[in-house]
Each structure stands twice: as C-alpha cells, then as structure tokens.
Amino acid sequence: MTTRLLITTVGSRLIEHADELTRLDQAIGDGDHGVNMRRGFEAVLADLDAIAAKPLNEALKQVGMTLVMKVGGASGPLYGTLFSEIGKALGDEVTPATVAAAVDAAIQKVKARGKSDIGQKTMLDVLVPVQAAIAAGNLGAIRTAAADAAAATVPMKAIRGRASFLGDRSIGHMDPGARSSQLIVESVLDVVEGRA
C-alpha cells in the first residue's frame, strides 16, 4: 500500500460521490457537504506529489491541514481533525493495533471538537463501530460495520449539527457525514485489500 494510492483513492471516491453527499445534506442540512468535501479533496489531490512524498503519518497530518484550510462549514474542522489526529497518533508502525489506537485518539478529538457523541446522527456513528471492529481484530467486518452504521443513521433523530434544527424531520434521512465517513472507510479497505 502506498501513501499516494491511499490518498488518491480516498480523494477520488469523495469527489465522485460529491453530488450524492450534497443531496443527502440538502435533505437535512444546508446542502454544502458534497461541495465542501469535493473542494477539500481537490485541494489535497492538487498537492498530491508533496503529500505523497511524506511518510504516511506526516501525509495524513498534511491532508488534515489542507481540509481545515480549504473546506467550509463543519466538515473542514471535523475531517481535518480526524486526518490530522490519526497522523499524529499513528507513528511509524502501521499495524491493526496502531491503527485502532490512532483512530480512537482521533475520534476523541472529533467528539471534543464537534461537542458530539455516537447516537447523535453524525460521522461518529460510523467511525466508532469501525474503530471497534479494528480494535477487535475483526478486519473482515469493517466494511459491513461502516455500511450498517451509515444505514442506522436513517431512523435517528439528529441531536448535533445543522440537522438538529429539524428535530423529528431529520428522521428518515441518512446523515451525510456518516455517508462520507463510510466512503472513506471503504476507500481505505479497497487499497488495503488490493482492490483500488
């Protein structure tokens, strides 16, 4: 697995699905999630040569910084925090155990930054079960965990973020942040499993 392939796959997947993410966000948010994710990852891919030349942990920190600087709304700070903190916590050795610990550390920072937790119809509803699958060493279950967790946000009532303003009207729609987190997880798995 190369850093270049990983970042290219994640970035391309989110850009590809930007319209879908926008439609999801139009239903319960301000409709800019797909646009913002596209803008952020286009900026990341525009700087791919410099980012991919770094070790993976440093590259992830750079991706995070780029997202914070280029993406508006809540997405930039939250996804920027996610990537930066995984990079900070990962260190040089990439194993299921170090990845599980790094993702857990990043989740704690995302929770603090977004003042949110699992069960509130956010990206955390995907990230937390995915991290649990990694920590349990059940790597084959990660893809299913991400898909099931994103789908599980549909019947939830939003408690945090723009969608929370809708109250009960947020029920019946997938959370766009949960979907973009699912796409990131699936992209990483495609690279790790040699499908990308």
C-alpha atoms as a PDB file:
ATOM      1  CA  MET A   1       0.000   0.000   0.000  1.00  0.00           C
ATOM      2  CA  THR A   2       1.443   3.338  -0.998  1.00  0.00           C
ATOM      3  CA  THR A   3       0.568   6.673   0.544  1.00  0.00           C
ATOM      4  CA  ARG A   4      -0.110   8.041  -2.945  1.00  0.00           C
ATOM      5  CA  LEU A   5      -2.600   5.295  -3.772  1.00  0.00           C
ATOM      6  CA  LEU A   6      -4.351   5.664  -0.424  1.00  0.00           C
ATOM      7  CA  ILE A   7      -4.814   9.433  -0.698  1.00  0.00           C
ATOM      8  CA  THR A   8      -5.749   9.262  -4.385  1.00  0.00           C
ATOM      9  CA  THR A   9      -8.362   6.581  -3.734  1.00  0.00           C
ATOM     10  CA  VAL A  10      -9.940   8.376  -0.767  1.00  0.00           C
ATOM     11  CA  GLY A  11      -9.918  11.751  -2.513  1.00  0.00           C
ATOM     12  CA  SER A  12     -11.268  10.439  -5.815  1.00  0.00           C
ATOM     13  CA  ARG A  13     -14.049   8.488  -4.094  1.00  0.00           C
ATOM     14  CA  LEU A  14     -15.291  11.530  -2.189  1.00  0.00           C
ATOM     15  CA  ILE A  15     -15.127  13.730  -5.288  1.00  0.00           C
ATOM     16  CA  GLU A  16     -17.033  11.040  -7.234  1.00  0.00           C
ATOM     17  CA  HIS A  17     -19.775  10.949  -4.597  1.00  0.00           C
ATOM     18  CA  ALA A  18     -19.965  14.716  -4.027  1.00  0.00           C
ATOM     19  CA  ASP A  19     -23.394  15.033  -5.678  1.00  0.00           C
ATOM     20  CA  GLU A  20     -24.796  12.204  -3.544  1.00  0.00           C
ATOM     21  CA  LEU A  21     -23.409  13.829  -0.386  1.00  0.00           C
ATOM     22  CA  THR A  22     -24.932  17.144  -1.439  1.00  0.00           C
ATOM     23  CA  ARG A  23     -28.355  15.529  -1.951  1.00  0.00           C
ATOM     24  CA  LEU A  24     -28.165  13.919   1.492  1.00  0.00           C
ATOM     25  CA  ASP A  25     -27.214  17.264   3.024  1.00  0.00           C
ATOM     26  CA  GLN A  26     -29.966  19.134   1.167  1.00  0.00           C
ATOM     27  CA  ALA A  27     -32.494  16.892   2.937  1.00  0.00           C
ATOM     28  CA  ILE A  28     -31.365  17.674   6.485  1.00  0.00           C
ATOM     29  CA  GLY A  29     -28.577  20.261   6.389  1.00  0.00           C
ATOM     30  CA  ASP A  30     -27.511  23.291   4.400  1.00  0.00           C
ATOM     31  CA  GLY A  31     -26.709  21.302   1.265  1.00  0.00           C
ATOM     32  CA  ASP A  32     -22.985  22.015   1.108  1.00  0.00           C
ATOM     33  CA  HIS A  33     -21.392  18.788   2.396  1.00  0.00           C
ATOM     34  CA  GLY A  34     -20.635  17.331  -1.029  1.00  0.00           C
ATOM     35  CA  VAL A  35     -19.406  20.656  -2.393  1.00  0.00           C
ATOM     36  CA  ASN A  36     -17.160  21.139   0.627  1.00  0.00           C
ATOM     37  CA  MET A  37     -15.738  17.614   0.512  1.00  0.00           C
ATOM     38  CA  ARG A  38     -15.070  17.978  -3.219  1.00  0.00           C
ATOM     39  CA  ARG A  39     -13.306  21.311  -2.680  1.00  0.00           C
ATOM     40  CA  GLY A  40     -11.194  19.904   0.138  1.00  0.00           C
ATOM     41  CA  PHE A  41     -10.078  16.754  -1.633  1.00  0.00           C
ATOM     42  CA  GLU A  42      -9.468  18.538  -4.927  1.00  0.00           C
ATOM     43  CA  ALA A  43      -7.028  20.709  -2.946  1.00  0.00           C
ATOM     44  CA  VAL A  44      -5.470  17.594  -1.411  1.00  0.00           C
ATOM     45  CA  LEU A  45      -5.052  15.932  -4.828  1.00  0.00           C
ATOM     46  CA  ALA A  46      -3.648  19.150  -6.298  1.00  0.00           C
ATOM     47  CA  ASP A  47      -0.837  18.869  -3.723  1.00  0.00           C
ATOM     48  CA  LEU A  48      -0.517  15.085  -4.093  1.00  0.00           C
ATOM     49  CA  ASP A  49       3.167  14.982  -5.086  1.00  0.00           C
ATOM     50  CA  ALA A  50       4.250  16.856  -1.963  1.00  0.00           C
ATOM     51  CA  ILE A  51       1.889  14.975   0.351  1.00  0.00           C
ATOM     52  CA  ALA A  52       2.682  11.506  -1.039  1.00  0.00           C
ATOM     53  CA  ALA A  53       6.420  12.102  -0.621  1.00  0.00           C
ATOM     54  CA  LYS A  54       5.971  12.164   3.169  1.00  0.00           C
ATOM     55  CA  PRO A  55       5.713   9.133   5.484  1.00  0.00           C
ATOM     56  CA  LEU A  56       2.072   8.066   5.953  1.00  0.00           C
ATOM     57  CA  ASN A  57       1.635   9.685   9.368  1.00  0.00           C
ATOM     58  CA  GLU A  58       3.007  13.024   8.120  1.00  0.00           C
ATOM     59  CA  ALA A  59       0.954  12.766   4.927  1.00  0.00           C
ATOM     60  CA  LEU A  60      -2.246  12.289   6.943  1.00  0.00           C
ATOM     61  CA  LYS A  61      -1.415  15.360   9.035  1.00  0.00           C
ATOM     62  CA  GLN A  62      -0.939  17.354   5.827  1.00  0.00           C
ATOM     63  CA  VAL A  63      -4.278  16.119   4.450  1.00  0.00           C
ATOM     64  CA  GLY A  64      -5.903  17.260   7.693  1.00  0.00           C
ATOM     65  CA  MET A  65      -4.313  20.709   7.499  1.00  0.00           C
ATOM     66  CA  THR A  66      -5.423  21.110   3.887  1.00  0.00           C
ATOM     67  CA  LEU A  67      -9.019  20.192   4.761  1.00  0.00           C
ATOM     68  CA  VAL A  68      -9.085  22.681   7.643  1.00  0.00           C
ATOM     69  CA  MET A  69      -7.806  25.454   5.366  1.00  0.00           C
ATOM     70  CA  LYS A  70      -9.891  24.696   2.257  1.00  0.00           C
ATOM     71  CA  VAL A  71     -13.234  23.336   3.474  1.00  0.00           C
ATOM     72  CA  GLY A  72     -16.061  25.457   4.811  1.00  0.00           C
ATOM     73  CA  GLY A  73     -18.819  24.503   7.215  1.00  0.00           C
ATOM     74  CA  ALA A  74     -18.346  21.897   9.902  1.00  0.00           C
ATOM     75  CA  SER A  75     -16.757  19.384   7.523  1.00  0.00           C
ATOM     76  CA  GLY A  76     -13.355  21.063   7.297  1.00  0.00           C
ATOM     77  CA  PRO A  77     -12.608  21.273  11.018  1.00  0.00           C
ATOM     78  CA  LEU A  78     -14.070  17.814  11.756  1.00  0.00           C
ATOM     79  CA  TYR A  79     -12.473  15.875   8.905  1.00  0.00           C
ATOM     80  CA  GLY A  80      -9.307  17.938   9.240  1.00  0.00           C
ATOM     81  CA  THR A  81      -9.160  16.919  12.895  1.00  0.00           C
ATOM     82  CA  LEU A  82      -9.821  13.276  12.001  1.00  0.00           C
ATOM     83  CA  PHE A  83      -6.963  13.008   9.488  1.00  0.00           C
ATOM     84  CA  SER A  84      -4.515  15.164  11.478  1.00  0.00           C
ATOM     85  CA  GLU A  85      -5.074  13.286  14.709  1.00  0.00           C
ATOM     86  CA  ILE A  86      -4.794   9.859  13.077  1.00  0.00           C
ATOM     87  CA  GLY A  87      -1.495  11.049  11.612  1.00  0.00           C
ATOM     88  CA  LYS A  88      -0.268  12.386  14.962  1.00  0.00           C
ATOM     89  CA  ALA A  89      -1.191   9.204  16.828  1.00  0.00           C
ATOM     90  CA  LEU A  90      -0.109   6.699  14.193  1.00  0.00           C
ATOM     91  CA  GLY A  91       3.643   6.976  14.381  1.00  0.00           C
ATOM     92  CA  ASP A  92       5.854   4.978  12.016  1.00  0.00           C
ATOM     93  CA  GLU A  93       4.499   1.475  12.506  1.00  0.00           C
ATOM     94  CA  VAL A  94       1.192   0.654  10.787  1.00  0.00           C
ATOM     95  CA  THR A  95      -0.470  -2.421  12.297  1.00  0.00           C
ATOM     96  CA  PRO A  96      -4.116  -3.135  13.156  1.00  0.00           C
ATOM     97  CA  ALA A  97      -3.294  -2.283  16.800  1.00  0.00           C
ATOM     98  CA  THR A  98      -1.622   1.054  15.998  1.00  0.00           C
ATOM     99  CA  VAL A  99      -4.394   1.973  13.550  1.00  0.00           C
ATOM    100  CA  ALA A 100      -7.070   1.121  16.147  1.00  0.00           C
ATOM    101  CA  ALA A 101      -5.317   3.291  18.743  1.00  0.00           C
ATOM    102  CA  ALA A 102      -4.824   6.168  16.294  1.00  0.00           C
ATOM    103  CA  VAL A 103      -8.446   6.108  15.125  1.00  0.00           C
ATOM    104  CA  ASP A 104      -9.614   6.017  18.744  1.00  0.00           C
ATOM    105  CA  ALA A 105      -7.439   9.032  19.600  1.00  0.00           C
ATOM    106  CA  ALA A 106      -8.821  10.889  16.569  1.00  0.00           C
ATOM    107  CA  ILE A 107     -12.421  10.019  17.491  1.00  0.00           C
ATOM    108  CA  GLN A 108     -11.913  11.547  20.951  1.00  0.00           C
ATOM    109  CA  LYS A 109     -10.682  14.792  19.343  1.00  0.00           C
ATOM    110  CA  VAL A 110     -13.588  14.831  16.853  1.00  0.00           C
ATOM    111  CA  LYS A 111     -16.033  14.315  19.744  1.00  0.00           C
ATOM    112  CA  ALA A 112     -14.479  17.249  21.608  1.00  0.00           C
ATOM    113  CA  ARG A 113     -14.366  19.500  18.561  1.00  0.00           C
ATOM    114  CA  GLY A 114     -17.933  18.755  17.484  1.00  0.00           C
ATOM    115  CA  LYS A 115     -19.273  18.503  21.057  1.00  0.00           C
ATOM    116  CA  SER A 116     -20.964  15.306  19.886  1.00  0.00           C
ATOM    117  CA  ASP A 117     -21.066  11.579  20.532  1.00  0.00           C
ATOM    118  CA  ILE A 118     -22.308   8.362  18.990  1.00  0.00           C
ATOM    119  CA  GLY A 119     -26.094   8.144  18.600  1.00  0.00           C
ATOM    120  CA  GLN A 120     -26.480  11.807  17.574  1.00  0.00           C
ATOM    121  CA  LYS A 121     -26.624  11.262  13.785  1.00  0.00           C
ATOM    122  CA  THR A 122     -23.093  12.335  12.847  1.00  0.00           C
ATOM    123  CA  MET A 123     -19.905  10.915  11.317  1.00  0.00           C
ATOM    124  CA  LEU A 124     -19.157   9.400  14.742  1.00  0.00           C
ATOM    125  CA  ASP A 125     -21.954   6.880  14.224  1.00  0.00           C
ATOM    126  CA  VAL A 126     -19.770   5.259  11.551  1.00  0.00           C
ATOM    127  CA  LEU A 127     -16.318   5.939  12.991  1.00  0.00           C
ATOM    128  CA  VAL A 128     -16.967   4.435  16.444  1.00  0.00           C
ATOM    129  CA  PRO A 129     -18.197   0.988  15.261  1.00  0.00           C
ATOM    130  CA  VAL A 130     -15.454   0.868  12.623  1.00  0.00           C
ATOM    131  CA  GLN A 131     -12.833   1.555  15.281  1.00  0.00           C
ATOM    132  CA  ALA A 132     -14.348  -1.167  17.457  1.00  0.00           C
ATOM    133  CA  ALA A 133     -14.067  -3.669  14.580  1.00  0.00           C
ATOM    134  CA  ILE A 134     -10.416  -2.706  14.017  1.00  0.00           C
ATOM    135  CA  ALA A 135      -9.651  -2.959  17.755  1.00  0.00           C
ATOM    136  CA  ALA A 136     -11.312  -6.382  17.928  1.00  0.00           C
ATOM    137  CA  GLY A 137      -9.061  -7.554  15.100  1.00  0.00           C
ATOM    138  CA  ASN A 138     -12.160  -8.323  13.038  1.00  0.00           C
ATOM    139  CA  LEU A 139     -10.836  -6.732   9.876  1.00  0.00           C
ATOM    140  CA  GLY A 140     -13.290  -8.598   7.666  1.00  0.00           C
ATOM    141  CA  ALA A 141     -16.187  -6.930   9.494  1.00  0.00           C
ATOM    142  CA  ILE A 142     -15.064  -3.330   8.955  1.00  0.00           C
ATOM    143  CA  ARG A 143     -16.778  -2.783   5.584  1.00  0.00           C
ATOM    144  CA  THR A 144     -20.064  -4.222   6.866  1.00  0.00           C
ATOM    145  CA  ALA A 145     -19.771  -2.233  10.109  1.00  0.00           C
ATOM    146  CA  ALA A 146     -19.378   1.010   8.135  1.00  0.00           C
ATOM    147  CA  ALA A 147     -22.303   0.282   5.797  1.00  0.00           C
ATOM    148  CA  ASP A 148     -24.609  -0.875   8.594  1.00  0.00           C
ATOM    149  CA  ALA A 149     -23.687   2.099  10.770  1.00  0.00           C
ATOM    150  CA  ALA A 150     -24.351   4.635   7.993  1.00  0.00           C
ATOM    151  CA  ALA A 151     -27.726   2.990   7.284  1.00  0.00           C
ATOM    152  CA  ALA A 152     -28.519   3.071  11.007  1.00  0.00           C
ATOM    153  CA  THR A 153     -28.442   6.901  10.958  1.00  0.00           C
ATOM    154  CA  VAL A 154     -31.590   6.956   8.754  1.00  0.00           C
ATOM    155  CA  PRO A 155     -34.100   6.345  11.600  1.00  0.00           C
ATOM    156  CA  MET A 156     -32.140   8.507  14.063  1.00  0.00           C
ATOM    157  CA  LYS A 157     -33.193  11.962  15.170  1.00  0.00           C
ATOM    158  CA  ALA A 158     -30.337  14.438  14.786  1.00  0.00           C
ATOM    159  CA  ILE A 159     -29.063  15.850  18.065  1.00  0.00           C
ATOM    160  CA  ARG A 160     -25.983  17.760  16.822  1.00  0.00           C
ATOM    161  CA  GLY A 161     -25.148  19.840  13.796  1.00  0.00           C
ATOM    162  CA  ARG A 162     -27.370  21.670  11.330  1.00  0.00           C
ATOM    163  CA  ALA A 163     -29.734  18.693  11.055  1.00  0.00           C
ATOM    164  CA  SER A 164     -30.643  19.036  14.744  1.00  0.00           C
ATOM    165  CA  PHE A 165     -32.604  22.199  13.890  1.00  0.00           C
ATOM    166  CA  LEU A 166     -35.099  19.993  12.023  1.00  0.00           C
ATOM    167  CA  GLY A 167     -35.930  17.870  15.057  1.00  0.00           C
ATOM    168  CA  ASP A 168     -38.189  14.964  14.068  1.00  0.00           C
ATOM    169  CA  ARG A 169     -37.958  15.947  10.385  1.00  0.00           C
ATOM    170  CA  SER A 170     -34.339  14.744  10.408  1.00  0.00           C
ATOM    171  CA  ILE A 171     -35.681  11.196  10.870  1.00  0.00           C
ATOM    172  CA  GLY A 172     -35.768   9.132   7.673  1.00  0.00           C
ATOM    173  CA  HIS A 173     -32.611  10.543   6.085  1.00  0.00           C
ATOM    174  CA  MET A 174     -29.051   9.211   6.136  1.00  0.00           C
ATOM    175  CA  ASP A 175     -26.585  11.558   7.771  1.00  0.00           C
ATOM    176  CA  PRO A 176     -24.240  12.974   5.090  1.00  0.00           C
ATOM    177  CA  GLY A 177     -21.256  12.874   7.450  1.00  0.00           C
ATOM    178  CA  ALA A 178     -21.937   9.228   8.215  1.00  0.00           C
ATOM    179  CA  ARG A 179     -22.054   8.502   4.481  1.00  0.00           C
ATOM    180  CA  SER A 180     -18.812  10.367   3.748  1.00  0.00           C
ATOM    181  CA  SER A 181     -17.143   8.508   6.640  1.00  0.00           C
ATOM    182  CA  GLN A 182     -18.385   5.225   5.151  1.00  0.00           C
ATOM    183  CA  LEU A 183     -16.897   6.205   1.776  1.00  0.00           C
ATOM    184  CA  ILE A 184     -13.522   6.971   3.397  1.00  0.00           C
ATOM    185  CA  VAL A 185     -13.503   3.646   5.249  1.00  0.00           C
ATOM    186  CA  GLU A 186     -14.430   1.711   2.093  1.00  0.00           C
ATOM    187  CA  SER A 187     -11.718   3.507   0.104  1.00  0.00           C
ATOM    188  CA  VAL A 188      -9.049   2.620   2.674  1.00  0.00           C
ATOM    189  CA  LEU A 189     -10.218  -1.002   2.681  1.00  0.00           C
ATOM    190  CA  ASP A 190     -10.115  -1.143  -1.128  1.00  0.00           C
ATOM    191  CA  VAL A 191      -6.465  -0.056  -1.006  1.00  0.00           C
ATOM    192  CA  VAL A 192      -5.531  -2.449   1.822  1.00  0.00           C
ATOM    193  CA  GLU A 193      -7.289  -5.362   0.093  1.00  0.00           C
ATOM    194  CA  GLY A 194      -5.720  -4.588  -3.295  1.00  0.00           C
ATOM    195  CA  ARG A 195      -8.990  -3.584  -4.941  1.00  0.00           C
ATOM    196  CA  ALA A 196      -8.045   0.017  -5.711  1.00  0.00           C
END
